[in-house]
C-alpha atoms as a PDB file:
ATOM      1  CA  MET A   1      28.941   6.580  75.063  1.00  0.00           C
ATOM      2  CA  ASN A   2      29.260   5.407  78.674  1.00  0.00           C
ATOM      3  CA  ILE A   3      26.731   5.401  81.515  1.00  0.00           C
ATOM      4  CA  ALA A   4      27.693   8.943  82.527  1.00  0.00           C
ATOM      5  CA  ASP A   5      27.056  10.239  79.006  1.00  0.00           C
ATOM      6  CA  ARG A   6      23.751   8.425  78.751  1.00  0.00           C
ATOM      7  CA  ILE A   7      22.438   9.865  82.018  1.00  0.00           C
ATOM      8  CA  GLN A   8      23.460  13.351  80.970  1.00  0.00           C
ATOM      9  CA  THR A   9      21.911  12.951  77.517  1.00  0.00           C
ATOM     10  CA  LEU A  10      18.648  11.612  78.909  1.00  0.00           C
ATOM     11  CA  ARG A  11      18.469  14.498  81.382  1.00  0.00           C
ATOM     12  CA  LYS A  12      19.070  17.099  78.679  1.00  0.00           C
ATOM     13  CA  VAL A  13      16.522  15.498  76.350  1.00  0.00           C
ATOM     14  CA  LYS A  14      14.046  15.669  79.219  1.00  0.00           C
ATOM     15  CA  GLY A  15      14.923  19.342  79.587  1.00  0.00           C
ATOM     16  CA  ILE A  16      15.626  19.299  83.323  1.00  0.00           C
ATOM     17  CA  SER A  17      18.543  20.401  85.476  1.00  0.00           C
ATOM     18  CA  GLN A  18      20.770  18.206  87.640  1.00  0.00           C
ATOM     19  CA  GLU A  19      18.938  19.496  90.698  1.00  0.00           C
ATOM     20  CA  GLU A  20      15.534  18.584  89.250  1.00  0.00           C
ATOM     21  CA  LEU A  21      16.749  15.122  88.381  1.00  0.00           C
ATOM     22  CA  ALA A  22      18.154  14.717  91.862  1.00  0.00           C
ATOM     23  CA  ASP A  23      14.760  15.622  93.358  1.00  0.00           C
ATOM     24  CA  LYS A  24      13.005  13.058  91.163  1.00  0.00           C
ATOM     25  CA  ILE A  25      15.398  10.289  92.132  1.00  0.00           C
ATOM     26  CA  GLY A  26      15.838  11.228  95.786  1.00  0.00           C
ATOM     27  CA  VAL A  27      19.569  12.056  95.818  1.00  0.00           C
ATOM     28  CA  SER A  28      21.648  15.200  96.064  1.00  0.00           C
ATOM     29  CA  ARG A  29      22.595  17.366  93.097  1.00  0.00           C
ATOM     30  CA  GLN A  30      26.232  16.524  93.802  1.00  0.00           C
ATOM     31  CA  ALA A  31      25.467  12.816  93.349  1.00  0.00           C
ATOM     32  CA  VAL A  32      23.953  13.467  89.916  1.00  0.00           C
ATOM     33  CA  SER A  33      26.949  15.642  89.023  1.00  0.00           C
ATOM     34  CA  LYS A  34      29.332  12.827  89.962  1.00  0.00           C
ATOM     35  CA  TRP A  35      27.331  10.317  87.882  1.00  0.00           C
ATOM     36  CA  GLU A  36      27.466  12.554  84.830  1.00  0.00           C
ATOM     37  CA  SER A  37      31.173  13.256  85.253  1.00  0.00           C
ATOM     38  CA  GLY A  38      31.956   9.577  85.705  1.00  0.00           C
ATOM     39  CA  GLN A  39      33.302   9.986  89.238  1.00  0.00           C
ATOM     40  CA  SER A  40      30.771   7.478  90.573  1.00  0.00           C
ATOM     41  CA  SER A  41      27.947   5.251  89.358  1.00  0.00           C
ATOM     42  CA  PRO A  42      24.350   5.144  90.615  1.00  0.00           C
ATOM     43  CA  ASP A  43      23.097   2.224  92.651  1.00  0.00           C
ATOM     44  CA  MET A  44      20.791  -0.263  90.973  1.00  0.00           C
ATOM     45  CA  ASP A  45      17.684   1.047  92.718  1.00  0.00           C
ATOM     46  CA  LYS A  46      18.433   4.555  91.424  1.00  0.00           C
ATOM     47  CA  ILE A  47      18.929   3.162  87.906  1.00  0.00           C
ATOM     48  CA  VAL A  48      15.493   1.531  88.095  1.00  0.00           C
ATOM     49  CA  ILE A  49      13.930   4.847  89.176  1.00  0.00           C
ATOM     50  CA  MET A  50      15.722   6.673  86.333  1.00  0.00           C
ATOM     51  CA  SER A  51      14.600   4.078  83.779  1.00  0.00           C
ATOM     52  CA  ASP A  52      10.975   4.674  84.784  1.00  0.00           C
ATOM     53  CA  PHE A  53      11.439   8.448  84.791  1.00  0.00           C
ATOM     54  CA  PHE A  54      13.191   8.593  81.419  1.00  0.00           C
ATOM     55  CA  GLU A  55      10.983   5.822  79.984  1.00  0.00           C
ATOM     56  CA  VAL A  56      13.903   3.667  78.911  1.00  0.00           C
ATOM     57  CA  THR A  57      15.149   0.230  79.956  1.00  0.00           C
ATOM     58  CA  THR A  58      17.707  -0.338  82.674  1.00  0.00           C
ATOM     59  CA  ASP A  59      19.820  -2.109  80.030  1.00  0.00           C
ATOM     60  CA  TYR A  60      19.952   1.100  78.036  1.00  0.00           C
ATOM     61  CA  ILE A  61      21.211   3.126  81.025  1.00  0.00           C
ATOM     62  CA  LEU A  62      23.734   0.471  82.064  1.00  0.00           C
ATOM     63  CA  LYS A  63      24.944  -0.810  78.680  1.00  0.00           C
ATOM     64  CA  GLY A  64      23.368   1.375  76.018  1.00  0.00           C
ATOM     65  CA  ILE A  65      21.350  -1.548  74.667  1.00  0.00           C
ATOM     66  CA  GLU A  66      18.348  -0.287  72.745  1.00  0.00           C
ATOM     67  CA  PRO A  67      15.144  -2.328  73.160  1.00  0.00           C
ATOM     68  CA  GLU A  68      14.176  -4.358  70.109  1.00  0.00           C
ATOM     69  CA  LYS A  69      11.520  -2.566  68.148  1.00  0.00           C
ATOM     70  CA  GLN A  70       8.470  -4.723  67.787  1.00  0.00           C
ATOM     71  CA  ALA A  71       6.910  -4.859  64.381  1.00  0.00           C
ATOM     72  CA  VAL A  72       3.763  -2.793  64.365  1.00  0.00           C
ATOM     73  CA  ALA A  73       0.936  -4.639  62.682  1.00  0.00           C
ATOM     74  CA  THR A  74      -0.622  -2.669  59.879  1.00  0.00           C
ATOM     75  CA  PRO A  75      -4.329  -2.244  60.606  1.00  0.00           C
ATOM     76  CA  THR A  76      -6.536  -3.953  58.038  1.00  0.00           C
ATOM     77  CA  ASN A  77      -9.923  -2.654  57.005  1.00  0.00           C
ATOM     78  CA  ALA A  78     -12.747  -5.190  56.697  1.00  0.00           C
ATOM     79  CA  ILE A  79     -14.476  -3.004  54.090  1.00  0.00           C
ATOM     80  CA  ILE A  80     -11.690  -3.744  51.600  1.00  0.00           C
ATOM     81  CA  PHE A  81     -12.239  -7.501  51.931  1.00  0.00           C
ATOM     82  CA  VAL A  82     -15.998  -7.018  51.677  1.00  0.00           C
ATOM     83  CA  ALA A  83     -15.563  -5.091  48.427  1.00  0.00           C
ATOM     84  CA  VAL A  84     -13.293  -7.790  46.947  1.00  0.00           C
ATOM     85  CA  ALA A  85     -15.608 -10.593  48.090  1.00  0.00           C
ATOM     86  CA  THR A  86     -18.667  -8.810  46.668  1.00  0.00           C
ATOM     87  CA  ALA A  87     -16.893  -8.303  43.345  1.00  0.00           C
ATOM     88  CA  LEU A  88     -16.021 -12.010  43.186  1.00  0.00           C
ATOM     89  CA  ASN A  89     -19.592 -13.048  44.014  1.00  0.00           C
ATOM     90  CA  PHE A  90     -20.971 -10.706  41.355  1.00  0.00           C
ATOM     91  CA  ILE A  91     -18.482 -12.013  38.787  1.00  0.00           C
ATOM     92  CA  GLY A  92     -19.406 -15.589  39.716  1.00  0.00           C
ATOM     93  CA  LEU A  93     -23.083 -14.915  39.073  1.00  0.00           C
ATOM     94  CA  ILE A  94     -22.505 -13.093  35.781  1.00  0.00           C
ATOM     95  CA  VAL A  95     -19.998 -15.653  34.454  1.00  0.00           C
ATOM     96  CA  SER A  96     -22.281 -18.530  35.389  1.00  0.00           C
ATOM     97  CA  CYS A  97     -25.302 -16.996  33.659  1.00  0.00           C
ATOM     98  CA  ALA A  98     -23.237 -16.026  30.593  1.00  0.00           C
ATOM     99  CA  ILE A  99     -21.790 -19.537  30.169  1.00  0.00           C
ATOM    100  CA  TRP A 100     -25.229 -21.112  30.541  1.00  0.00           C
ATOM    101  CA  TYR A 101     -26.726 -18.693  28.039  1.00  0.00           C
ATOM    102  CA  GLU A 102     -24.084 -19.661  25.471  1.00  0.00           C
ATOM    103  CA  GLU A 103     -23.502 -23.348  26.210  1.00  0.00           C
ATOM    104  CA  GLN A 104     -26.434 -24.652  28.349  1.00  0.00           C
ATOM    105  CA  VAL A 105     -24.126 -26.949  30.344  1.00  0.00           C
ATOM    106  CA  PRO A 106     -24.433 -27.735  34.089  1.00  0.00           C
ATOM    107  CA  MET A 107     -20.762 -26.802  34.488  1.00  0.00           C
ATOM    108  CA  ALA A 108     -21.868 -23.170  34.184  1.00  0.00           C
ATOM    109  CA  THR A 109     -23.609 -23.442  37.543  1.00  0.00           C
ATOM    110  CA  VAL A 110     -20.621 -25.208  39.103  1.00  0.00           C
ATOM    111  CA  ILE A 111     -18.205 -22.519  37.912  1.00  0.00           C
ATOM    112  CA  GLY A 112     -20.396 -19.771  39.342  1.00  0.00           C
ATOM    113  CA  LEU A 113     -20.643 -21.516  42.713  1.00  0.00           C
ATOM    114  CA  ILE A 114     -16.869 -22.063  42.844  1.00  0.00           C
ATOM    115  CA  ILE A 115     -16.158 -18.375  42.216  1.00  0.00           C
ATOM    116  CA  MET A 116     -18.710 -17.427  44.873  1.00  0.00           C
ATOM    117  CA  ALA A 117     -17.122 -19.873  47.310  1.00  0.00           C
ATOM    118  CA  VAL A 118     -13.803 -18.085  46.785  1.00  0.00           C
ATOM    119  CA  GLY A 119     -15.567 -14.771  47.414  1.00  0.00           C
ATOM    120  CA  CYS A 120     -16.994 -16.075  50.685  1.00  0.00           C
ATOM    121  CA  MET A 121     -13.557 -17.329  51.725  1.00  0.00           C
ATOM    122  CA  VAL A 122     -12.062 -13.895  51.060  1.00  0.00           C
ATOM    123  CA  PHE A 123     -14.807 -12.363  53.191  1.00  0.00           C
ATOM    124  CA  GLY A 124     -14.410 -14.862  56.034  1.00  0.00           C
ATOM    125  CA  ILE A 125     -10.621 -14.678  56.221  1.00  0.00           C
ATOM    126  CA  GLY A 126     -10.579 -10.914  55.724  1.00  0.00           C
ATOM    127  CA  VAL A 127     -13.147 -10.078  58.376  1.00  0.00           C
ATOM    128  CA  THR A 128     -11.576 -12.489  60.877  1.00  0.00           C
ATOM    129  CA  SER A 129      -8.146 -10.892  60.474  1.00  0.00           C
ATOM    130  CA  SER A 130      -9.321  -7.282  60.169  1.00  0.00           C
ATOM    131  CA  THR A 131      -8.920  -4.728  62.934  1.00  0.00           C
ATOM    132  CA  LEU A 132     -11.051  -1.939  61.456  1.00  0.00           C
ATOM    133  CA  ASN A 133     -14.783  -1.777  60.632  1.00  0.00           C
ATOM    134  CA  LYS A 134     -15.384  -5.472  61.341  1.00  0.00           C
ATOM    135  CA  ASP A 135     -19.054  -5.113  62.342  1.00  0.00           C
ATOM    136  CA  LYS A 136     -19.734  -2.615  59.571  1.00  0.00           C
ATOM    137  CA  GLY A 137     -18.082  -4.918  57.051  1.00  0.00           C
ATOM    138  CA  ILE A 138     -20.268  -7.856  58.063  1.00  0.00           C
ATOM    139  CA  ARG A 139     -23.377  -5.690  57.749  1.00  0.00           C
ATOM    140  CA  TYR A 140     -22.373  -4.384  54.336  1.00  0.00           C
ATOM    141  CA  PHE A 141     -21.507  -7.861  53.097  1.00  0.00           C
ATOM    142  CA  TRP A 142     -24.808  -9.486  53.945  1.00  0.00           C
ATOM    143  CA  THR A 143     -26.889  -6.491  52.912  1.00  0.00           C
ATOM    144  CA  VAL A 144     -25.563  -6.804  49.355  1.00  0.00           C
ATOM    145  CA  ASN A 145     -24.396 -10.382  48.988  1.00  0.00           C
ATOM    146  CA  ILE A 146     -27.510 -12.153  50.177  1.00  0.00           C
ATOM    147  CA  TRP A 147     -28.989 -11.167  46.788  1.00  0.00           C
ATOM    148  CA  LEU A 148     -26.020 -12.663  44.938  1.00  0.00           C
ATOM    149  CA  LEU A 149     -25.368 -15.775  47.026  1.00  0.00           C
ATOM    150  CA  SER A 150     -28.969 -16.972  47.198  1.00  0.00           C
ATOM    151  CA  PHE A 151     -29.809 -16.539  43.502  1.00  0.00           C
ATOM    152  CA  ILE A 152     -28.063 -19.594  42.029  1.00  0.00           C
ATOM    153  CA  PRO A 153     -29.064 -22.067  44.799  1.00  0.00           C
ATOM    154  CA  LEU A 154     -32.717 -20.943  44.659  1.00  0.00           C
ATOM    155  CA  SER A 155     -32.651 -21.147  40.865  1.00  0.00           C
ATOM    156  CA  CYS A 156     -31.269 -24.681  40.998  1.00  0.00           C
ATOM    157  CA  ILE A 157     -33.985 -25.743  43.441  1.00  0.00           C
ATOM    158  CA  TYR A 158     -36.671 -24.174  41.272  1.00  0.00           C
ATOM    159  CA  ASN A 159     -35.362 -25.740  38.055  1.00  0.00           C
ATOM    160  CA  THR A 160     -34.974 -29.166  39.690  1.00  0.00           C
ATOM    161  CA  LEU A 161     -38.494 -29.139  41.144  1.00  0.00           C
ATOM    162  CA  PHE A 162     -39.996 -28.440  37.730  1.00  0.00           C
ATOM    163  CA  LEU A 163     -37.735 -30.889  35.876  1.00  0.00           C
ATOM    164  CA  ARG A 164     -35.737 -28.251  34.063  1.00  0.00           C
ATOM    165  CA  PRO A 165     -31.958 -28.195  33.397  1.00  0.00           C
ATOM    166  CA  LEU A 166     -29.667 -27.194  36.270  1.00  0.00           C
ATOM    167  CA  ALA A 167     -29.338 -23.585  35.156  1.00  0.00           C
ATOM    168  CA  PRO A 168     -27.956 -20.774  37.360  1.00  0.00           C
ATOM    169  CA  TYR A 169     -31.101 -18.708  36.829  1.00  0.00           C
ATOM    170  CA  PRO A 170     -34.809 -19.673  36.773  1.00  0.00           C
ATOM    171  CA  LEU A 171     -35.876 -20.939  33.362  1.00  0.00           C
ATOM    172  CA  PHE A 172     -39.157 -19.545  32.134  1.00  0.00           C
ATOM    173  CA  GLY A 173     -41.893 -22.083  31.552  1.00  0.00           C
ATOM    174  CA  GLU A 174     -45.111 -23.607  32.719  1.00  0.00           C
ATOM    175  CA  PRO A 175     -46.656 -23.271  35.204  1.00  0.00           C
ATOM    176  CA  LEU A 176     -46.299 -19.492  35.127  1.00  0.00           C
ATOM    177  CA  ILE A 177     -47.443 -19.243  38.740  1.00  0.00           C
ATOM    178  CA  ALA A 178     -44.317 -21.174  39.781  1.00  0.00           C
ATOM    179  CA  PHE A 179     -42.064 -18.738  37.930  1.00  0.00           C
ATOM    180  CA  ALA A 180     -43.797 -15.815  39.640  1.00  0.00           C
ATOM    181  CA  LEU A 181     -43.578 -17.608  42.982  1.00  0.00           C
ATOM    182  CA  PHE A 182     -39.806 -18.003  42.578  1.00  0.00           C
ATOM    183  CA  TRP A 183     -39.331 -14.253  42.238  1.00  0.00           C
ATOM    184  CA  LEU A 184     -41.697 -13.591  45.125  1.00  0.00           C
ATOM    185  CA  ILE A 185     -39.764 -15.932  47.432  1.00  0.00           C
ATOM    186  CA  TYR A 186     -36.399 -14.589  46.259  1.00  0.00           C
ATOM    187  CA  ILE A 187     -37.250 -10.907  46.677  1.00  0.00           C
ATOM    188  CA  THR A 188     -39.213 -11.351  49.922  1.00  0.00           C
ATOM    189  CA  GLY A 189     -36.614 -13.634  51.521  1.00  0.00           C
ATOM    190  CA  CYS A 190     -33.650 -11.407  50.662  1.00  0.00           C
ATOM    191  CA  THR A 191     -35.502  -8.293  51.762  1.00  0.00           C
ATOM    192  CA  MET A 192     -36.330  -9.851  55.141  1.00  0.00           C
ATOM    193  CA  ILE A 193     -32.702 -10.897  55.701  1.00  0.00           C
ATOM    194  CA  VAL A 194     -31.435  -7.425  54.767  1.00  0.00           C
ATOM    195  CA  HIS A 195     -33.972  -5.843  57.130  1.00  0.00           C
ATOM    196  CA  ALA A 196     -32.978  -8.208  59.976  1.00  0.00           C
ATOM    197  CA  THR A 197     -29.273  -7.506  59.375  1.00  0.00           C
ATOM    198  CA  ILE A 198     -29.760  -3.737  59.509  1.00  0.00           C
ATOM    199  CA  LYS A 199     -32.035  -3.999  62.558  1.00  0.00           C
ATOM    200  CA  ARG A 200     -29.507  -6.154  64.395  1.00  0.00           C
ATOM    201  CA  SER A 201     -26.651  -3.765  63.645  1.00  0.00           C
ATOM    202  CA  ARG A 202     -28.633  -0.836  65.028  1.00  0.00           C
ATOM    203  CA  ARG A 203     -29.077  -2.648  68.343  1.00  0.00           C
ATOM    204  CA  LYS A 204     -25.294  -2.868  68.841  1.00  0.00           C
END
């Protein structure tokens, strides 16, 4: 296909006559007819006008070179990463508590924290690279995961303060007021953070 064929094809695809094309470019109908029959070639300024009108490159009109198609990035949804991260954090907590219940070894706490760290990495990388629902994903993550992520650290602090083993959950014992205080701080603190997260998202 030569330049004459390309001009004719582009015109027909556009669904216009030679006269209409001539009006758009600012030449006579006879000039367009000569271009399409190969009797003459358009000047460069007319090629530029045609490229804008037909929405193609000048290289395509002159040489038939198609523009390289750019890879279209697939949109990623932050909610998917939030779901995966939440699942990992939940698994980390359950595995940690289960190992401690069976073995009573400090490694149980370490394993739980490692799995949760992976969950947080999935969340961080996923939300940073996501193009959809980023703000909603952050809100969902913290609304749920603050309960999971804070449980083991608070339990470790509680158990250490009262000279108990480094378990991933609070060990029952004396004084009972301390055990009750742990749950009060845990529930109140998480509830306040969830409330602040939701309130902040509503402002946006």
